[in-house]
Amino acid sequence: MKLDRLLRVMSVVEIVRNKPGITYQELAEEFEVSERTIRRDVNIIEDAGIPIKNCNGLRLVSDIEIPKVQLNSHELIFLLLVTHFLSSYELESEVPDSMYKKLSKFLPKKITSK
């Protein structure tokens, strides 16, 4: 998956979470893509296991939270590196910065003291 698509898909999840009922058309206008592209993005979200429905607009089923995942320190560092890398680009999405801030809180003390 290309980087711009990955960022858009991640952003769609956050927008639907924050604005339940947003339409395919509104998302397409926001990202300057076709409705069909947004529909494909929603299919990717569903395939990733995030339940999303179109019921008077898009909404996450039961407004679920993404399940808690336990990461080991290597996985956490990898995610931090990826989000830091993505945030270094001037993207219209704030998702990489937000993820980096949230994830960095969970770094082992051994690593943060270096």
N, C-alpha and C. Protein backbone atom coordinates (compact mmCIF):
# COMPACT_ATOMS: atom_id res chain seq x y z
N MET A 1 0.86 -1.18 0.00
CA MET A 1 0.00 0.00 0.00
C MET A 1 0.90 1.23 0.00
N LYS A 2 0.56 2.19 -0.82
CA LYS A 2 1.35 3.41 -0.90
C LYS A 2 1.16 4.26 0.35
N LEU A 3 2.16 5.07 0.64
CA LEU A 3 2.17 5.89 1.83
C LEU A 3 0.98 6.83 1.90
N ASP A 4 0.65 7.50 0.78
CA ASP A 4 -0.47 8.45 0.80
C ASP A 4 -1.79 7.74 1.07
N ARG A 5 -1.94 6.54 0.55
CA ARG A 5 -3.17 5.78 0.80
C ARG A 5 -3.24 5.33 2.25
N LEU A 6 -2.12 4.85 2.77
CA LEU A 6 -2.07 4.41 4.17
C LEU A 6 -2.45 5.56 5.10
N LEU A 7 -1.91 6.72 4.86
CA LEU A 7 -2.23 7.89 5.70
C LEU A 7 -3.69 8.27 5.58
N ARG A 8 -4.22 8.19 4.36
CA ARG A 8 -5.64 8.54 4.17
C ARG A 8 -6.53 7.54 4.89
N VAL A 9 -6.22 6.26 4.79
CA VAL A 9 -7.03 5.23 5.47
C VAL A 9 -7.00 5.45 6.97
N MET A 10 -5.81 5.71 7.53
CA MET A 10 -5.70 5.96 8.96
C MET A 10 -6.49 7.21 9.34
N SER A 11 -6.44 8.22 8.49
CA SER A 11 -7.16 9.46 8.77
C SER A 11 -8.66 9.26 8.69
N VAL A 12 -9.13 8.43 7.76
CA VAL A 12 -10.56 8.15 7.64
C VAL A 12 -11.08 7.55 8.94
N VAL A 13 -10.34 6.62 9.52
CA VAL A 13 -10.76 6.00 10.79
C VAL A 13 -10.91 7.08 11.86
N GLU A 14 -9.92 7.95 11.97
CA GLU A 14 -9.97 9.01 12.99
C GLU A 14 -11.12 9.98 12.73
N ILE A 15 -11.35 10.34 11.48
CA ILE A 15 -12.44 11.28 11.17
C ILE A 15 -13.79 10.65 11.48
N VAL A 16 -13.97 9.39 11.09
CA VAL A 16 -15.25 8.71 11.36
C VAL A 16 -15.45 8.58 12.87
N ARG A 17 -14.38 8.34 13.61
CA ARG A 17 -14.48 8.25 15.07
C ARG A 17 -14.90 9.60 15.65
N ASN A 18 -14.36 10.68 15.12
CA ASN A 18 -14.64 12.02 15.66
C ASN A 18 -15.90 12.66 15.09
N LYS A 19 -16.31 12.22 13.89
CA LYS A 19 -17.50 12.79 13.25
C LYS A 19 -18.41 11.67 12.76
N PRO A 20 -19.02 10.91 13.68
CA PRO A 20 -19.90 9.83 13.23
C PRO A 20 -21.01 10.39 12.35
N GLY A 21 -21.28 9.70 11.26
CA GLY A 21 -22.32 10.15 10.34
C GLY A 21 -21.77 10.87 9.12
N ILE A 22 -20.45 11.05 9.06
CA ILE A 22 -19.86 11.71 7.90
C ILE A 22 -20.10 10.83 6.67
N THR A 23 -20.31 11.44 5.53
CA THR A 23 -20.67 10.69 4.32
C THR A 23 -19.43 10.42 3.46
N TYR A 24 -19.60 9.47 2.54
CA TYR A 24 -18.54 9.19 1.57
C TYR A 24 -18.19 10.46 0.81
N GLN A 25 -19.22 11.21 0.42
CA GLN A 25 -19.01 12.43 -0.35
C GLN A 25 -18.19 13.46 0.44
N GLU A 26 -18.53 13.64 1.71
CA GLU A 26 -17.79 14.60 2.55
C GLU A 26 -16.32 14.19 2.69
N LEU A 27 -16.09 12.89 2.89
CA LEU A 27 -14.71 12.41 2.98
C LEU A 27 -13.97 12.59 1.66
N ALA A 28 -14.67 12.29 0.56
CA ALA A 28 -14.04 12.45 -0.76
C ALA A 28 -13.64 13.91 -0.99
N GLU A 29 -14.51 14.83 -0.60
CA GLU A 29 -14.19 16.25 -0.76
C GLU A 29 -13.02 16.65 0.13
N GLU A 30 -13.01 16.14 1.35
CA GLU A 30 -11.94 16.50 2.28
C GLU A 30 -10.57 16.03 1.78
N PHE A 31 -10.53 14.83 1.20
CA PHE A 31 -9.26 14.27 0.73
C PHE A 31 -9.01 14.53 -0.75
N GLU A 32 -9.95 15.18 -1.41
CA GLU A 32 -9.84 15.50 -2.83
C GLU A 32 -9.62 14.23 -3.67
N VAL A 33 -10.46 13.23 -3.40
CA VAL A 33 -10.46 11.98 -4.15
C VAL A 33 -11.91 11.66 -4.50
N SER A 34 -12.11 10.59 -5.26
CA SER A 34 -13.47 10.21 -5.62
C SER A 34 -14.14 9.44 -4.48
N GLU A 35 -15.48 9.40 -4.54
CA GLU A 35 -16.22 8.60 -3.56
C GLU A 35 -15.83 7.13 -3.66
N ARG A 36 -15.57 6.69 -4.87
CA ARG A 36 -15.18 5.30 -5.08
C ARG A 36 -13.87 4.98 -4.34
N THR A 37 -12.94 5.94 -4.35
CA THR A 37 -11.69 5.75 -3.63
C THR A 37 -11.95 5.62 -2.13
N ILE A 38 -12.84 6.46 -1.61
CA ILE A 38 -13.18 6.38 -0.18
C ILE A 38 -13.85 5.05 0.12
N ARG A 39 -14.70 4.57 -0.77
CA ARG A 39 -15.35 3.26 -0.57
C ARG A 39 -14.30 2.15 -0.51
N ARG A 40 -13.29 2.23 -1.37
CA ARG A 40 -12.21 1.23 -1.33
C ARG A 40 -11.43 1.35 -0.01
N ASP A 41 -11.21 2.59 0.44
CA ASP A 41 -10.53 2.79 1.72
C ASP A 41 -11.33 2.18 2.87
N VAL A 42 -12.64 2.36 2.84
CA VAL A 42 -13.50 1.79 3.88
C VAL A 42 -13.42 0.26 3.83
N ASN A 43 -13.33 -0.31 2.65
CA ASN A 43 -13.16 -1.77 2.53
C ASN A 43 -11.86 -2.22 3.19
N ILE A 44 -10.80 -1.43 3.02
CA ILE A 44 -9.51 -1.75 3.65
C ILE A 44 -9.66 -1.71 5.17
N ILE A 45 -10.39 -0.71 5.66
CA ILE A 45 -10.63 -0.57 7.11
C ILE A 45 -11.38 -1.80 7.62
N GLU A 46 -12.41 -2.21 6.89
CA GLU A 46 -13.18 -3.40 7.28
C GLU A 46 -12.30 -4.65 7.26
N ASP A 47 -11.47 -4.78 6.21
CA ASP A 47 -10.58 -5.93 6.10
C ASP A 47 -9.56 -5.97 7.23
N ALA A 48 -9.24 -4.81 7.79
CA ALA A 48 -8.30 -4.74 8.92
C ALA A 48 -8.98 -5.13 10.23
N GLY A 49 -10.29 -5.39 10.17
CA GLY A 49 -10.99 -5.82 11.37
C GLY A 49 -11.65 -4.71 12.17
N ILE A 50 -11.67 -3.51 11.62
CA ILE A 50 -12.32 -2.40 12.31
C ILE A 50 -13.74 -2.31 11.77
N PRO A 51 -14.74 -2.62 12.61
CA PRO A 51 -16.13 -2.62 12.13
C PRO A 51 -16.63 -1.21 11.88
N ILE A 52 -16.96 -0.94 10.63
CA ILE A 52 -17.45 0.37 10.21
C ILE A 52 -18.69 0.14 9.37
N LYS A 53 -19.73 0.95 9.59
CA LYS A 53 -20.99 0.79 8.86
C LYS A 53 -21.40 2.11 8.23
N ASN A 54 -22.17 1.98 7.16
CA ASN A 54 -22.78 3.15 6.55
C ASN A 54 -24.25 3.14 6.94
N CYS A 55 -24.58 3.82 8.01
CA CYS A 55 -25.94 3.91 8.52
C CYS A 55 -26.19 5.38 8.82
N ASN A 56 -26.87 6.08 7.91
CA ASN A 56 -26.99 7.53 8.00
C ASN A 56 -25.60 8.17 8.09
N GLY A 57 -24.73 7.72 7.23
CA GLY A 57 -23.34 8.17 7.24
C GLY A 57 -22.46 7.10 7.87
N LEU A 58 -21.17 7.26 7.74
CA LEU A 58 -20.24 6.27 8.26
C LEU A 58 -20.06 6.41 9.76
N ARG A 59 -20.00 5.27 10.42
CA ARG A 59 -19.74 5.26 11.86
C ARG A 59 -19.09 3.95 12.23
N LEU A 60 -18.28 4.02 13.27
CA LEU A 60 -17.70 2.80 13.80
C LEU A 60 -18.78 2.06 14.58
N VAL A 61 -18.86 0.76 14.40
CA VAL A 61 -19.89 -0.03 15.06
C VAL A 61 -19.68 0.07 16.57
N SER A 62 -20.75 0.44 17.27
CA SER A 62 -20.74 0.62 18.72
C SER A 62 -19.67 1.60 19.16
N ASP A 63 -19.21 2.43 18.22
CA ASP A 63 -18.16 3.40 18.52
C ASP A 63 -17.05 2.73 19.31
N ILE A 64 -16.60 1.59 18.77
CA ILE A 64 -15.60 0.77 19.45
C ILE A 64 -14.28 1.49 19.61
N GLU A 65 -13.54 1.01 20.55
CA GLU A 65 -12.16 1.45 20.69
C GLU A 65 -11.30 0.37 20.05
N ILE A 66 -10.19 0.76 19.51
CA ILE A 66 -9.27 -0.22 18.96
C ILE A 66 -8.76 -1.03 20.15
N PRO A 67 -8.75 -2.36 20.02
CA PRO A 67 -8.36 -3.20 21.16
C PRO A 67 -6.95 -2.88 21.65
N LYS A 68 -6.75 -3.06 22.95
CA LYS A 68 -5.43 -2.85 23.53
C LYS A 68 -4.50 -3.93 23.01
N VAL A 69 -3.31 -3.51 22.69
CA VAL A 69 -2.31 -4.42 22.16
C VAL A 69 -1.06 -4.29 23.03
N GLN A 70 -0.52 -5.40 23.43
CA GLN A 70 0.72 -5.36 24.20
C GLN A 70 1.88 -5.50 23.22
N LEU A 71 2.74 -4.50 23.23
CA LEU A 71 3.90 -4.51 22.36
C LEU A 71 5.15 -4.72 23.19
N ASN A 72 6.10 -5.45 22.63
CA ASN A 72 7.39 -5.51 23.32
C ASN A 72 8.18 -4.26 22.97
N SER A 73 9.29 -4.03 23.61
CA SER A 73 10.03 -2.78 23.41
C SER A 73 10.51 -2.62 21.97
N HIS A 74 10.86 -3.71 21.30
CA HIS A 74 11.32 -3.62 19.92
C HIS A 74 10.18 -3.18 18.99
N GLU A 75 8.99 -3.73 19.21
CA GLU A 75 7.83 -3.35 18.40
C GLU A 75 7.46 -1.89 18.64
N LEU A 76 7.51 -1.46 19.88
CA LEU A 76 7.20 -0.08 20.21
C LEU A 76 8.19 0.88 19.56
N ILE A 77 9.46 0.56 19.64
CA ILE A 77 10.48 1.40 19.01
C ILE A 77 10.27 1.45 17.50
N PHE A 78 9.95 0.32 16.90
CA PHE A 78 9.70 0.30 15.47
C PHE A 78 8.54 1.23 15.10
N LEU A 79 7.43 1.14 15.85
CA LEU A 79 6.29 2.03 15.59
C LEU A 79 6.66 3.49 15.79
N LEU A 80 7.44 3.77 16.82
CA LEU A 80 7.89 5.15 17.05
C LEU A 80 8.74 5.65 15.89
N LEU A 81 9.63 4.81 15.40
CA LEU A 81 10.46 5.21 14.26
C LEU A 81 9.61 5.49 13.01
N VAL A 82 8.65 4.62 12.76
CA VAL A 82 7.77 4.80 11.60
C VAL A 82 6.96 6.09 11.74
N THR A 83 6.37 6.30 12.91
CA THR A 83 5.56 7.51 13.08
C THR A 83 6.42 8.77 13.05
N HIS A 84 7.63 8.68 13.61
CA HIS A 84 8.54 9.83 13.55
C HIS A 84 8.93 10.12 12.11
N PHE A 85 9.22 9.07 11.35
CA PHE A 85 9.55 9.22 9.94
C PHE A 85 8.40 9.88 9.18
N LEU A 86 7.17 9.39 9.41
CA LEU A 86 6.01 9.96 8.71
C LEU A 86 5.76 11.40 9.12
N SER A 87 5.99 11.72 10.40
CA SER A 87 5.72 13.08 10.85
C SER A 87 6.75 14.07 10.33
N SER A 88 7.87 13.58 9.81
CA SER A 88 8.88 14.49 9.27
C SER A 88 8.46 15.04 7.91
N TYR A 89 7.47 14.42 7.28
CA TYR A 89 6.94 14.92 6.02
C TYR A 89 5.84 15.93 6.33
N GLU A 90 5.70 16.90 5.47
CA GLU A 90 4.65 17.90 5.67
C GLU A 90 3.35 17.34 5.11
N LEU A 91 2.69 16.53 5.91
CA LEU A 91 1.45 15.88 5.51
C LEU A 91 0.27 16.67 6.05
N GLU A 92 -0.86 16.54 5.38
CA GLU A 92 -2.06 17.21 5.86
C GLU A 92 -2.69 16.47 7.03
N SER A 93 -2.22 15.27 7.28
CA SER A 93 -2.76 14.46 8.37
C SER A 93 -1.94 14.68 9.63
N GLU A 94 -2.63 14.78 10.76
CA GLU A 94 -1.94 14.92 12.05
C GLU A 94 -1.78 13.56 12.73
N VAL A 95 -2.19 12.50 12.06
CA VAL A 95 -2.15 11.17 12.66
C VAL A 95 -0.73 10.76 13.06
N PRO A 96 0.30 10.89 12.20
CA PRO A 96 1.63 10.45 12.65
C PRO A 96 2.12 11.18 13.90
N ASP A 97 1.94 12.49 13.98
CA ASP A 97 2.36 13.23 15.17
C ASP A 97 1.60 12.77 16.41
N SER A 98 0.31 12.60 16.26
CA SER A 98 -0.53 12.18 17.38
C SER A 98 -0.11 10.79 17.86
N MET A 99 0.11 9.86 16.92
CA MET A 99 0.53 8.52 17.28
C MET A 99 1.89 8.54 17.98
N TYR A 100 2.81 9.35 17.47
CA TYR A 100 4.14 9.43 18.06
C TYR A 100 4.07 9.91 19.51
N LYS A 101 3.28 10.94 19.75
CA LYS A 101 3.15 11.46 21.12
C LYS A 101 2.56 10.42 22.06
N LYS A 102 1.53 9.71 21.58
CA LYS A 102 0.90 8.69 22.43
C LYS A 102 1.83 7.52 22.71
N LEU A 103 2.52 7.06 21.66
CA LEU A 103 3.39 5.89 21.82
C LEU A 103 4.62 6.20 22.66
N SER A 104 5.16 7.40 22.53
CA SER A 104 6.40 7.73 23.24
C SER A 104 6.20 7.71 24.77
N LYS A 105 4.97 7.84 25.22
CA LYS A 105 4.70 7.78 26.66
C LYS A 105 4.97 6.39 27.24
N PHE A 106 5.00 5.38 26.39
CA PHE A 106 5.13 4.00 26.85
C PHE A 106 6.52 3.43 26.66
N LEU A 107 7.47 4.28 26.31
CA LEU A 107 8.84 3.79 26.17
C LEU A 107 9.38 3.34 27.53
N PRO A 108 10.11 2.24 27.53
CA PRO A 108 10.71 1.81 28.79
C PRO A 108 11.65 2.90 29.33
N LYS A 109 11.72 3.05 30.64
CA LYS A 109 12.55 4.08 31.26
C LYS A 109 14.00 3.92 30.86
N LYS A 110 14.43 2.70 30.65
CA LYS A 110 15.80 2.42 30.25
C LYS A 110 16.13 3.17 28.95
N ILE A 111 15.17 3.25 28.05
CA ILE A 111 15.39 3.88 26.75
C ILE A 111 15.28 5.40 26.87
N THR A 112 14.34 5.90 27.62
CA THR A 112 14.13 7.35 27.71
C THR A 112 15.25 8.04 28.46
N SER A 113 15.98 7.32 29.29
CA SER A 113 17.06 7.95 30.05
C SER A 113 18.33 8.09 29.22
N LYS A 114 18.38 7.48 28.05
CA LYS A 114 19.58 7.56 27.20
C LYS A 114 19.57 8.81 26.35
